Amino acid sequence: MRGGERLGIYFLENGVAQRGSKVVYDWAGSAFATIQPGMLDWKEIFTGAAWFHWTGITPAVSESAAVVCLEAVKAARALGMTISCDLNYRAKLWKWGKSAGEVMAELVALCDLVVANEEDAEKVFGIKASDTDVISGKVAAEKYIPVCEQMAQCFPHLLTIAITLRGSLSASHNTWSGALWQKGEFHTATTYDIPDIVDRVGAGYSFATGLIYGLNQYGNDPPRALDFAVAASVLKHSIFGDFNLVTATEVEALAAGNTSGRVSR
């Protein structure tokens, strides 16, 4: 399916040390921003699929993209698919009229799994972890238990809630971990120290996809799925670009405790 006047692009200024990274979005008039409901045959698109994942960036792009996103989520729900969402709040994108909370509530209500970073739930739904400071470099996982519980109360269909935990010491030195709430049980992962970040963009996506992989691969072992997701996203910090160019074997090795970084010959 083709449409719009152009492809959307964005510009990233990589931060280092005390200078934070900056993103500029240039998506006006793009194919994605101008997509309209009814253009896509979701039943055909979902043929043979069991899981649908969407990101909170999609409904932030434009009103029509938000409508199409809801159209897709409803179609997936009607087909009995598992639906997951990454809240992915982007303040620079929510400019078309409605707030993130207004739009996302209806979408998230239809999801089985939600992934968020340490601030997304607050930015989107006003659900905040108390006594937390992400710029201290130490983010206590247990502070997010009430966040997960409140999310579950607001959206009873949610069975699984995952939180990425980034402590920012500087633009190029972070700590990284994650937590997983599933049907009332709360799991935490190893906290990694990442002192020399190559590129942090895409780490959240790597966590989400790692978690989806882990839950499908180790469905009866949620802590292992969480460990896989955290390890996958840790490795992404060492790779330029949006794509996490690592193998499942590399991720499993890190999750098992191999942090040596030795050359493989």
C-alpha atoms as a PDB file:
ATOM      1  CA  MET A   1       0.000   0.000   0.000  1.00  0.00           C
ATOM      2  CA  ARG A   2       1.436   3.390  -0.988  1.00  0.00           C
ATOM      3  CA  GLY A   3       0.268   6.876  -0.083  1.00  0.00           C
ATOM      4  CA  GLY A   4       1.314  10.277   1.148  1.00  0.00           C
ATOM      5  CA  GLU A   5       3.752  12.673  -0.441  1.00  0.00           C
ATOM      6  CA  ARG A   6       6.937  11.259   1.092  1.00  0.00           C
ATOM      7  CA  LEU A   7       8.508   8.987   3.657  1.00  0.00           C
ATOM      8  CA  GLY A   8       8.908  10.403   7.143  1.00  0.00           C
ATOM      9  CA  ILE A   9      12.405  10.962   8.499  1.00  0.00           C
ATOM     10  CA  TYR A  10      13.932  12.012  11.771  1.00  0.00           C
ATOM     11  CA  PHE A  11      17.236  13.490  12.808  1.00  0.00           C
ATOM     12  CA  LEU A  12      19.237  12.336  15.820  1.00  0.00           C
ATOM     13  CA  GLU A  13      21.978  14.346  17.479  1.00  0.00           C
ATOM     14  CA  ASN A  14      23.889  11.852  19.593  1.00  0.00           C
ATOM     15  CA  GLY A  15      24.631  13.096  23.087  1.00  0.00           C
ATOM     16  CA  VAL A  16      27.819  12.329  24.984  1.00  0.00           C
ATOM     17  CA  ALA A  17      28.679  12.766  28.659  1.00  0.00           C
ATOM     18  CA  GLN A  18      26.666  15.730  30.027  1.00  0.00           C
ATOM     19  CA  ARG A  19      25.157  16.701  26.639  1.00  0.00           C
ATOM     20  CA  GLY A  20      21.909  14.813  26.055  1.00  0.00           C
ATOM     21  CA  SER A  21      20.777  13.418  22.711  1.00  0.00           C
ATOM     22  CA  LYS A  22      18.166  15.370  20.723  1.00  0.00           C
ATOM     23  CA  VAL A  23      15.625  14.154  18.171  1.00  0.00           C
ATOM     24  CA  VAL A  24      13.865  16.192  15.466  1.00  0.00           C
ATOM     25  CA  TYR A  25      10.884  14.542  13.722  1.00  0.00           C
ATOM     26  CA  ASP A  26      10.013  15.429  10.135  1.00  0.00           C
ATOM     27  CA  TRP A  27       6.896  13.422   9.393  1.00  0.00           C
ATOM     28  CA  ALA A  28       4.367  15.983   8.088  1.00  0.00           C
ATOM     29  CA  GLY A  29       2.724  14.788   4.871  1.00  0.00           C
ATOM     30  CA  SER A  30       4.376  11.392   5.129  1.00  0.00           C
ATOM     31  CA  ALA A  31       2.753   8.138   4.088  1.00  0.00           C
ATOM     32  CA  PHE A  32       2.404   7.106   7.705  1.00  0.00           C
ATOM     33  CA  ALA A  33       0.957  10.430   8.872  1.00  0.00           C
ATOM     34  CA  THR A  34      -1.680  10.521   6.123  1.00  0.00           C
ATOM     35  CA  ILE A  35      -2.875   6.906   6.303  1.00  0.00           C
ATOM     36  CA  GLN A  36      -6.685   6.632   6.463  1.00  0.00           C
ATOM     37  CA  PRO A  37      -9.066   4.074   7.994  1.00  0.00           C
ATOM     38  CA  GLY A  38     -10.305   1.442   5.580  1.00  0.00           C
ATOM     39  CA  MET A  39      -7.128   1.488   3.477  1.00  0.00           C
ATOM     40  CA  LEU A  40      -5.794  -1.753   4.927  1.00  0.00           C
ATOM     41  CA  ASP A  41      -7.464  -5.163   4.996  1.00  0.00           C
ATOM     42  CA  TRP A  42      -6.513  -6.200   8.528  1.00  0.00           C
ATOM     43  CA  LYS A  43      -8.117  -9.633   8.292  1.00  0.00           C
ATOM     44  CA  GLU A  44      -5.913 -10.439   5.312  1.00  0.00           C
ATOM     45  CA  ILE A  45      -2.844  -8.834   6.907  1.00  0.00           C
ATOM     46  CA  PHE A  46      -3.291 -10.882  10.093  1.00  0.00           C
ATOM     47  CA  THR A  47      -3.697 -14.198   8.259  1.00  0.00           C
ATOM     48  CA  GLY A  48      -1.481 -16.757   9.995  1.00  0.00           C
ATOM     49  CA  ALA A  49      -0.457 -14.322  12.741  1.00  0.00           C
ATOM     50  CA  ALA A  50      -0.998 -14.904  16.464  1.00  0.00           C
ATOM     51  CA  TRP A  51       0.538 -11.746  17.977  1.00  0.00           C
ATOM     52  CA  PHE A  52       0.106  -8.044  17.141  1.00  0.00           C
ATOM     53  CA  HIS A  53       2.474  -5.454  18.597  1.00  0.00           C
ATOM     54  CA  TRP A  54       1.994  -1.701  18.218  1.00  0.00           C
ATOM     55  CA  THR A  55       3.823   1.337  19.549  1.00  0.00           C
ATOM     56  CA  GLY A  56       2.516   4.510  21.168  1.00  0.00           C
ATOM     57  CA  ILE A  57       4.397   6.508  18.549  1.00  0.00           C
ATOM     58  CA  THR A  58       1.817   5.449  15.940  1.00  0.00           C
ATOM     59  CA  PRO A  59      -1.252   7.261  17.341  1.00  0.00           C
ATOM     60  CA  ALA A  60       0.952  10.245  18.221  1.00  0.00           C
ATOM     61  CA  VAL A  61       1.857  10.895  14.573  1.00  0.00           C
ATOM     62  CA  SER A  62      -1.579  12.118  13.431  1.00  0.00           C
ATOM     63  CA  GLU A  63      -5.289  11.776  14.131  1.00  0.00           C
ATOM     64  CA  SER A  64      -5.781   9.474  11.162  1.00  0.00           C
ATOM     65  CA  ALA A  65      -2.866   7.272  12.254  1.00  0.00           C
ATOM     66  CA  ALA A  66      -4.499   7.007  15.688  1.00  0.00           C
ATOM     67  CA  VAL A  67      -7.803   5.941  14.126  1.00  0.00           C
ATOM     68  CA  VAL A  68      -6.067   3.335  11.960  1.00  0.00           C
ATOM     69  CA  CYS A  69      -4.150   2.037  14.969  1.00  0.00           C
ATOM     70  CA  LEU A  70      -7.417   1.519  16.855  1.00  0.00           C
ATOM     71  CA  GLU A  71      -8.870  -0.145  13.757  1.00  0.00           C
ATOM     72  CA  ALA A  72      -5.947  -2.604  13.754  1.00  0.00           C
ATOM     73  CA  VAL A  73      -6.164  -3.323  17.486  1.00  0.00           C
ATOM     74  CA  LYS A  74      -9.912  -4.010  17.269  1.00  0.00           C
ATOM     75  CA  ALA A  75      -9.364  -6.339  14.312  1.00  0.00           C
ATOM     76  CA  ALA A  76      -6.651  -8.223  16.195  1.00  0.00           C
ATOM     77  CA  ARG A  77      -8.907  -8.511  19.253  1.00  0.00           C
ATOM     78  CA  ALA A  78     -11.760  -9.882  17.121  1.00  0.00           C
ATOM     79  CA  LEU A  79      -9.401 -12.531  15.748  1.00  0.00           C
ATOM     80  CA  GLY A  80      -8.323 -13.608  19.220  1.00  0.00           C
ATOM     81  CA  MET A  81      -4.718 -12.516  18.781  1.00  0.00           C
ATOM     82  CA  THR A  82      -2.375 -11.593  21.622  1.00  0.00           C
ATOM     83  CA  ILE A  83      -1.923  -7.808  21.589  1.00  0.00           C
ATOM     84  CA  SER A  84       1.030  -5.945  23.065  1.00  0.00           C
ATOM     85  CA  CYS A  85       1.866  -2.263  23.217  1.00  0.00           C
ATOM     86  CA  ASP A  86       4.927  -0.166  23.960  1.00  0.00           C
ATOM     87  CA  LEU A  87       3.645   3.114  25.460  1.00  0.00           C
ATOM     88  CA  ASN A  88       6.582   5.046  23.916  1.00  0.00           C
ATOM     89  CA  TYR A  89       5.533   8.554  24.942  1.00  0.00           C
ATOM     90  CA  ARG A  90       6.980  11.231  22.647  1.00  0.00           C
ATOM     91  CA  ALA A  91       6.083  14.766  23.743  1.00  0.00           C
ATOM     92  CA  LYS A  92       7.226  16.261  20.438  1.00  0.00           C
ATOM     93  CA  LEU A  93       4.662  14.230  18.484  1.00  0.00           C
ATOM     94  CA  TRP A  94       1.427  14.708  20.435  1.00  0.00           C
ATOM     95  CA  LYS A  95       0.477  17.939  18.669  1.00  0.00           C
ATOM     96  CA  TRP A  96      -2.613  17.089  16.637  1.00  0.00           C
ATOM     97  CA  GLY A  97      -5.289  17.945  19.214  1.00  0.00           C
ATOM     98  CA  LYS A  98      -5.840  15.211  21.773  1.00  0.00           C
ATOM     99  CA  SER A  99      -3.587  14.267  24.670  1.00  0.00           C
ATOM    100  CA  ALA A 100      -1.768  10.946  24.853  1.00  0.00           C
ATOM    101  CA  GLY A 101      -3.936   9.813  27.766  1.00  0.00           C
ATOM    102  CA  GLU A 102      -7.182  10.490  25.920  1.00  0.00           C
ATOM    103  CA  VAL A 103      -6.152   8.428  22.907  1.00  0.00           C
ATOM    104  CA  MET A 104      -4.083   5.687  24.521  1.00  0.00           C
ATOM    105  CA  ALA A 105      -6.657   4.643  27.125  1.00  0.00           C
ATOM    106  CA  GLU A 106      -9.020   3.128  24.559  1.00  0.00           C
ATOM    107  CA  LEU A 107      -6.137   1.372  22.810  1.00  0.00           C
ATOM    108  CA  VAL A 108      -4.423  -0.010  25.911  1.00  0.00           C
ATOM    109  CA  ALA A 109      -7.770  -1.304  27.231  1.00  0.00           C
ATOM    110  CA  LEU A 110      -7.678  -3.875  24.421  1.00  0.00           C
ATOM    111  CA  CYS A 111      -4.132  -5.085  25.129  1.00  0.00           C
ATOM    112  CA  ASP A 112      -2.827  -8.169  26.922  1.00  0.00           C
ATOM    113  CA  LEU A 113       0.686  -6.826  27.510  1.00  0.00           C
ATOM    114  CA  VAL A 114       2.123  -3.351  27.959  1.00  0.00           C
ATOM    115  CA  VAL A 115       5.760  -2.276  27.936  1.00  0.00           C
ATOM    116  CA  ALA A 116       6.783   1.105  29.330  1.00  0.00           C
ATOM    117  CA  ASN A 117       9.910   2.883  30.435  1.00  0.00           C
ATOM    118  CA  GLU A 118      10.313   4.313  33.937  1.00  0.00           C
ATOM    119  CA  GLU A 119       8.384   7.495  33.017  1.00  0.00           C
ATOM    120  CA  ASP A 120       5.859   6.478  30.328  1.00  0.00           C
ATOM    121  CA  ALA A 121       3.009   5.553  32.677  1.00  0.00           C
ATOM    122  CA  GLU A 122       3.290   8.956  34.350  1.00  0.00           C
ATOM    123  CA  LYS A 123       3.508  10.909  31.086  1.00  0.00           C
ATOM    124  CA  VAL A 124       0.566   9.074  29.489  1.00  0.00           C
ATOM    125  CA  PHE A 125      -1.750   8.155  32.376  1.00  0.00           C
ATOM    126  CA  GLY A 126      -0.456  10.160  35.348  1.00  0.00           C
ATOM    127  CA  ILE A 127       0.586   6.986  37.201  1.00  0.00           C
ATOM    128  CA  LYS A 128       3.879   7.808  38.927  1.00  0.00           C
ATOM    129  CA  ALA A 129       6.362   5.758  40.911  1.00  0.00           C
ATOM    130  CA  SER A 130       6.999   7.552  44.201  1.00  0.00           C
ATOM    131  CA  ASP A 131      10.463   8.437  45.516  1.00  0.00           C
ATOM    132  CA  THR A 132      12.272   7.719  42.265  1.00  0.00           C
ATOM    133  CA  ASP A 133      15.025   9.674  40.555  1.00  0.00           C
ATOM    134  CA  VAL A 134      16.073   8.422  37.117  1.00  0.00           C
ATOM    135  CA  ILE A 135      19.036  10.799  36.968  1.00  0.00           C
ATOM    136  CA  SER A 136      20.622   9.271  40.082  1.00  0.00           C
ATOM    137  CA  GLY A 137      21.768   6.182  38.193  1.00  0.00           C
ATOM    138  CA  LYS A 138      19.865   3.986  40.647  1.00  0.00           C
ATOM    139  CA  VAL A 139      16.270   3.101  39.861  1.00  0.00           C
ATOM    140  CA  ALA A 140      14.627   0.838  42.452  1.00  0.00           C
ATOM    141  CA  ALA A 141      12.468  -1.783  40.735  1.00  0.00           C
ATOM    142  CA  GLU A 142      10.164  -2.299  43.716  1.00  0.00           C
ATOM    143  CA  LYS A 143       8.997   1.323  43.430  1.00  0.00           C
ATOM    144  CA  TYR A 144       7.174   0.286  40.250  1.00  0.00           C
ATOM    145  CA  ILE A 145       4.995  -2.385  41.841  1.00  0.00           C
ATOM    146  CA  PRO A 146       2.239   0.190  42.593  1.00  0.00           C
ATOM    147  CA  VAL A 147       2.565   1.525  39.031  1.00  0.00           C
ATOM    148  CA  CYS A 148       1.887  -1.947  37.620  1.00  0.00           C
ATOM    149  CA  GLU A 149      -0.969  -2.545  40.065  1.00  0.00           C
ATOM    150  CA  GLN A 150      -2.636   0.753  39.166  1.00  0.00           C
ATOM    151  CA  MET A 151      -2.235   0.029  35.461  1.00  0.00           C
ATOM    152  CA  ALA A 152      -3.856  -3.378  35.962  1.00  0.00           C
ATOM    153  CA  GLN A 153      -6.748  -1.786  37.851  1.00  0.00           C
ATOM    154  CA  CYS A 154      -7.293   0.775  35.092  1.00  0.00           C
ATOM    155  CA  PHE A 155      -7.053  -1.845  32.345  1.00  0.00           C
ATOM    156  CA  PRO A 156      -8.388  -5.212  33.604  1.00  0.00           C
ATOM    157  CA  HIS A 157      -7.536  -6.970  30.342  1.00  0.00           C
ATOM    158  CA  LEU A 158      -3.805  -6.536  30.990  1.00  0.00           C
ATOM    159  CA  LEU A 159      -2.137  -9.762  32.088  1.00  0.00           C
ATOM    160  CA  THR A 160       1.478  -8.634  31.779  1.00  0.00           C
ATOM    161  CA  ILE A 161       3.176  -5.275  32.400  1.00  0.00           C
ATOM    162  CA  ALA A 162       6.877  -4.730  31.809  1.00  0.00           C
ATOM    163  CA  ILE A 163       8.958  -1.723  32.833  1.00  0.00           C
ATOM    164  CA  THR A 164      12.429  -0.820  31.588  1.00  0.00           C
ATOM    165  CA  LEU A 165      14.571   0.812  34.259  1.00  0.00           C
ATOM    166  CA  ARG A 166      17.217   3.227  33.003  1.00  0.00           C
ATOM    167  CA  GLY A 167      19.356   5.170  35.426  1.00  0.00           C
ATOM    168  CA  SER A 168      21.046   8.097  33.667  1.00  0.00           C
ATOM    169  CA  LEU A 169      24.414   9.058  35.089  1.00  0.00           C
ATOM    170  CA  SER A 170      25.230  10.838  31.817  1.00  0.00           C
ATOM    171  CA  ALA A 171      24.300  10.582  28.138  1.00  0.00           C
ATOM    172  CA  SER A 172      26.986   7.939  27.626  1.00  0.00           C
ATOM    173  CA  HIS A 173      26.838   6.177  31.019  1.00  0.00           C
ATOM    174  CA  ASN A 174      23.610   4.497  32.133  1.00  0.00           C
ATOM    175  CA  THR A 175      22.449   1.637  34.276  1.00  0.00           C
ATOM    176  CA  TRP A 176      19.843  -0.671  32.767  1.00  0.00           C
ATOM    177  CA  SER A 177      17.414  -3.255  34.089  1.00  0.00           C
ATOM    178  CA  GLY A 178      13.767  -4.237  33.910  1.00  0.00           C
ATOM    179  CA  ALA A 179      10.797  -5.502  35.891  1.00  0.00           C
ATOM    180  CA  LEU A 180       7.856  -7.719  34.976  1.00  0.00           C
ATOM    181  CA  TRP A 181       4.413  -7.860  36.589  1.00  0.00           C
ATOM    182  CA  GLN A 182       2.334 -10.842  35.561  1.00  0.00           C
ATOM    183  CA  LYS A 183      -0.984 -11.757  37.143  1.00  0.00           C
ATOM    184  CA  GLY A 184       0.046 -10.215  40.456  1.00  0.00           C
ATOM    185  CA  GLU A 185       3.586 -11.615  40.564  1.00  0.00           C
ATOM    186  CA  PHE A 186       6.517  -9.203  40.310  1.00  0.00           C
ATOM    187  CA  HIS A 187       9.905 -10.152  38.867  1.00  0.00           C
ATOM    188  CA  THR A 188      13.104  -8.121  38.576  1.00  0.00           C
ATOM    189  CA  ALA A 189      16.200  -8.556  36.432  1.00  0.00           C
ATOM    190  CA  THR A 190      19.924  -8.006  36.823  1.00  0.00           C
ATOM    191  CA  THR A 191      21.023  -4.382  36.742  1.00  0.00           C
ATOM    192  CA  TYR A 192      23.778  -3.748  34.195  1.00  0.00           C
ATOM    193  CA  ASP A 193      26.238  -0.878  34.238  1.00  0.00           C
ATOM    194  CA  ILE A 194      26.818   0.510  30.718  1.00  0.00           C
ATOM    195  CA  PRO A 195      29.679   3.050  30.975  1.00  0.00           C
ATOM    196  CA  ASP A 196      30.427   3.487  27.264  1.00  0.00           C
ATOM    197  CA  ILE A 197      27.181   3.693  25.283  1.00  0.00           C
ATOM    198  CA  VAL A 198      27.561   3.563  21.502  1.00  0.00           C
ATOM    199  CA  ASP A 199      23.879   4.256  20.690  1.00  0.00           C
ATOM    200  CA  ARG A 200      20.956   3.979  23.086  1.00  0.00           C
ATOM    201  CA  VAL A 201      18.266   4.585  20.443  1.00  0.00           C
ATOM    202  CA  GLY A 202      16.303   1.388  19.915  1.00  0.00           C
ATOM    203  CA  ALA A 203      17.045  -0.110  23.339  1.00  0.00           C
ATOM    204  CA  GLY A 204      13.378   0.044  24.309  1.00  0.00           C
ATOM    205  CA  TYR A 205      12.336  -1.685  21.097  1.00  0.00           C
ATOM    206  CA  SER A 206      14.975  -4.336  21.728  1.00  0.00           C
ATOM    207  CA  PHE A 207      13.550  -4.904  25.198  1.00  0.00           C
ATOM    208  CA  ALA A 208       9.993  -5.236  23.864  1.00  0.00           C
ATOM    209  CA  THR A 209      10.915  -7.636  21.083  1.00  0.00           C
ATOM    210  CA  GLY A 210      13.203  -9.568  23.409  1.00  0.00           C
ATOM    211  CA  LEU A 211      10.344  -9.927  25.870  1.00  0.00           C
ATOM    212  CA  ILE A 212       7.921 -11.101  23.174  1.00  0.00           C
ATOM    213  CA  TYR A 213      10.513 -13.643  22.034  1.00  0.00           C
ATOM    214  CA  GLY A 214      11.206 -14.720  25.605  1.00  0.00           C
ATOM    215  CA  LEU A 215       7.541 -15.143  26.544  1.00  0.00           C
ATOM    216  CA  ASN A 216       6.984 -17.273  23.458  1.00  0.00           C
ATOM    217  CA  GLN A 217      10.203 -19.246  23.903  1.00  0.00           C
ATOM    218  CA  TYR A 218      10.113 -19.663  27.706  1.00  0.00           C
ATOM    219  CA  GLY A 219       6.415 -19.165  28.362  1.00  0.00           C
ATOM    220  CA  ASN A 220       6.419 -21.034  31.682  1.00  0.00           C
ATOM    221  CA  ASP A 221       9.422 -19.087  32.983  1.00  0.00           C
ATOM    222  CA  PRO A 222       8.620 -15.321  33.077  1.00  0.00           C
ATOM    223  CA  PRO A 223      11.866 -14.367  34.933  1.00  0.00           C
ATOM    224  CA  ARG A 224      13.900 -15.996  32.155  1.00  0.00           C
ATOM    225  CA  ALA A 225      11.901 -14.104  29.520  1.00  0.00           C
ATOM    226  CA  LEU A 226      12.596 -10.864  31.409  1.00  0.00           C
ATOM    227  CA  ASP A 227      16.309 -11.648  31.689  1.00  0.00           C
ATOM    228  CA  PHE A 228      16.432 -12.278  27.936  1.00  0.00           C
ATOM    229  CA  ALA A 229      14.699  -8.963  27.208  1.00  0.00           C
ATOM    230  CA  VAL A 230      17.051  -6.987  29.452  1.00  0.00           C
ATOM    231  CA  ALA A 231      20.135  -8.695  28.033  1.00  0.00           C
ATOM    232  CA  ALA A 232      18.969  -8.064  24.456  1.00  0.00           C
ATOM    233  CA  SER A 233      18.484  -4.372  25.128  1.00  0.00           C
ATOM    234  CA  VAL A 234      21.832  -4.098  26.951  1.00  0.00           C
ATOM    235  CA  LEU A 235      23.588  -5.396  23.847  1.00  0.00           C
ATOM    236  CA  LYS A 236      21.709  -2.877  21.678  1.00  0.00           C
ATOM    237  CA  HIS A 237      23.555  -0.049  23.487  1.00  0.00           C
ATOM    238  CA  SER A 238      26.741  -1.246  21.769  1.00  0.00           C
ATOM    239  CA  ILE A 239      25.374  -1.008  18.201  1.00  0.00           C
ATOM    240  CA  PHE A 240      24.854   2.057  15.983  1.00  0.00           C
ATOM    241  CA  GLY A 241      21.390   2.489  14.477  1.00  0.00           C
ATOM    242  CA  ASP A 242      17.886   1.367  15.362  1.00  0.00           C
ATOM    243  CA  PHE A 243      18.417  -2.345  14.767  1.00  0.00           C
ATOM    244  CA  ASN A 244      19.679  -4.815  17.363  1.00  0.00           C
ATOM    245  CA  LEU A 245      22.071  -6.849  15.216  1.00  0.00           C
ATOM    246  CA  VAL A 246      22.719  -9.690  17.661  1.00  0.00           C
ATOM    247  CA  THR A 247      21.757 -13.361  17.769  1.00  0.00           C
ATOM    248  CA  ALA A 248      19.599 -15.115  20.354  1.00  0.00           C
ATOM    249  CA  THR A 249      22.691 -17.124  21.332  1.00  0.00           C
ATOM    250  CA  GLU A 250      24.605 -13.921  22.151  1.00  0.00           C
ATOM    251  CA  VAL A 251      21.699 -12.644  24.208  1.00  0.00           C
ATOM    252  CA  GLU A 252      21.353 -15.924  26.106  1.00  0.00           C
ATOM    253  CA  ALA A 253      25.079 -15.912  26.869  1.00  0.00           C
ATOM    254  CA  LEU A 254      24.853 -12.450  28.444  1.00  0.00           C
ATOM    255  CA  ALA A 255      21.689 -13.378  30.335  1.00  0.00           C
ATOM    256  CA  ALA A 256      23.554 -16.392  31.717  1.00  0.00           C
ATOM    257  CA  GLY A 257      26.261 -14.114  33.110  1.00  0.00           C
ATOM    258  CA  ASN A 258      28.903 -13.952  30.387  1.00  0.00           C
ATOM    259  CA  THR A 259      29.801 -10.252  30.533  1.00  0.00           C
ATOM    260  CA  SER A 260      33.456 -10.579  29.500  1.00  0.00           C
ATOM    261  CA  GLY A 261      33.089  -9.130  25.991  1.00  0.00           C
ATOM    262  CA  ARG A 262      35.929 -11.335  24.781  1.00  0.00           C
ATOM    263  CA  VAL A 263      36.698 -11.609  21.059  1.00  0.00           C
ATOM    264  CA  SER A 264      35.015 -14.536  19.315  1.00  0.00           C
ATOM    265  CA  ARG A 265      37.345 -16.142  16.787  1.00  0.00           C
END
